[in-house]
Amino acid sequence: MTNSRFKKIKSLNDLKLEKARLRYELLVIENNLNENFKAVEDMASYSALISRITYGFEVGQRVYKKIHQLISWFGSRRKSKKKKKEKDQSSL
């Protein structure tokens, strides 16, 4: 809190308004802290941990399948080129 706010207090009504504003700010801060604490608590729960682990396995499986597809695609292309070369050489 800055001194300029205190300097603006001239009457009892100003003081009451300042107290109400401070109470409101404290409630907002407390609410934010409680929300953050709940979010951390939810992150550390067993269900959240298990869901993150299963999601990691799913991503790993997708990556593995994609790599396997790429390898098989390159392998089949290579085999078809090799067969084509063998046909060309045998026809000569």
Protein backbone atom coordinates (compact mmCIF):
# COMPACT_ATOMS: atom_id res chain seq x y z
CA MET A 1 0.00 0.00 0.00
CA THR A 2 1.33 3.40 -0.92
CA ASN A 3 1.38 6.54 1.19
CA SER A 4 -0.62 8.40 -1.42
CA ARG A 5 -3.71 6.43 -0.44
CA PHE A 6 -3.27 7.43 3.19
CA LYS A 7 -2.87 11.06 2.18
CA LYS A 8 -6.22 10.96 0.39
CA ILE A 9 -8.07 9.98 3.58
CA LYS A 10 -9.64 13.18 4.88
CA SER A 11 -12.79 12.05 6.66
CA LEU A 12 -14.26 9.14 8.55
CA ASN A 13 -16.20 8.13 5.44
CA ASP A 14 -12.95 7.97 3.43
CA LEU A 15 -11.51 5.73 6.12
CA LYS A 16 -14.53 3.42 5.96
CA LEU A 17 -14.26 3.23 2.18
CA GLU A 18 -10.55 2.43 2.40
CA LYS A 19 -11.22 -0.35 4.95
CA ALA A 20 -13.91 -1.82 2.70
CA ARG A 21 -11.58 -1.68 -0.29
CA LEU A 22 -8.82 -3.42 1.66
CA ARG A 23 -11.21 -6.13 2.85
CA TYR A 24 -12.32 -6.69 -0.74
CA GLU A 25 -8.72 -6.93 -1.94
CA LEU A 26 -7.95 -9.44 0.81
CA LEU A 27 -10.97 -11.55 -0.16
CA VAL A 28 -9.90 -11.53 -3.81
CA ILE A 29 -6.35 -12.53 -2.90
CA GLU A 30 -7.58 -15.26 -0.56
CA ASN A 31 -9.90 -16.59 -3.26
CA ASN A 32 -7.04 -16.68 -5.78
CA LEU A 33 -4.82 -18.52 -3.31
CA ASN A 34 -7.55 -21.07 -2.63
CA GLU A 35 -8.07 -21.62 -6.37
CA ASN A 36 -4.33 -22.07 -6.90
CA PHE A 37 -4.10 -24.48 -3.98
CA LYS A 38 -7.04 -26.49 -5.35
CA ALA A 39 -5.40 -26.61 -8.79
CA VAL A 40 -2.15 -27.91 -7.28
CA GLU A 41 -4.09 -30.40 -5.19
CA ASP A 42 -5.95 -31.62 -8.29
CA MET A 43 -2.68 -31.98 -10.21
CA ALA A 44 -1.24 -34.13 -7.45
CA SER A 45 -4.25 -36.45 -7.19
CA TYR A 46 -4.00 -40.09 -8.17
CA SER A 47 -6.57 -39.81 -10.95
CA ALA A 48 -4.72 -36.90 -12.55
CA LEU A 49 -1.42 -38.77 -12.31
CA ILE A 50 -2.89 -41.89 -13.88
CA SER A 51 -4.53 -39.91 -16.67
CA ARG A 52 -1.22 -38.17 -17.49
CA ILE A 53 0.59 -41.52 -17.55
CA THR A 54 -2.02 -43.12 -19.83
CA TYR A 55 -1.96 -40.08 -22.12
CA GLY A 56 1.83 -40.41 -22.31
CA PHE A 57 1.51 -44.06 -23.30
CA GLU A 58 -1.06 -43.18 -25.97
CA VAL A 59 1.23 -40.54 -27.43
CA GLY A 60 4.11 -43.00 -27.38
CA GLN A 61 2.05 -45.61 -29.20
CA ARG A 62 0.99 -43.10 -31.85
CA VAL A 63 4.61 -42.04 -32.41
CA TYR A 64 5.72 -45.68 -32.62
CA LYS A 65 2.98 -46.50 -35.16
CA LYS A 66 3.87 -43.46 -37.27
CA ILE A 67 7.57 -44.40 -37.29
CA HIS A 68 6.67 -47.97 -38.16
CA GLN A 69 4.50 -46.75 -41.07
CA LEU A 70 7.30 -44.55 -42.37
CA ILE A 71 9.84 -47.37 -42.17
CA SER A 72 7.53 -49.79 -43.93
CA TRP A 73 6.74 -47.18 -46.59
CA PHE A 74 10.44 -46.53 -47.28
CA GLY A 75 11.16 -50.27 -47.21
CA SER A 76 8.42 -51.07 -49.72
CA ARG A 77 9.61 -48.29 -52.01
CA ARG A 78 13.13 -49.61 -51.87
CA LYS A 79 11.99 -53.15 -52.63
CA SER A 80 9.94 -52.00 -55.61
CA LYS A 81 12.94 -50.08 -57.00
CA LYS A 82 15.15 -53.13 -56.51
CA LYS A 83 12.62 -55.39 -58.30
CA LYS A 84 12.37 -52.88 -61.14
CA LYS A 85 16.16 -52.87 -61.56
CA GLU A 86 16.24 -56.68 -61.55
CA LYS A 87 13.52 -56.81 -64.25
CA ASP A 88 15.41 -54.29 -66.37
CA GLN A 89 18.65 -56.26 -66.04
CA SER A 90 17.00 -59.61 -66.78
CA SER A 91 15.29 -58.27 -69.92
CA LEU A 92 18.65 -57.22 -71.39
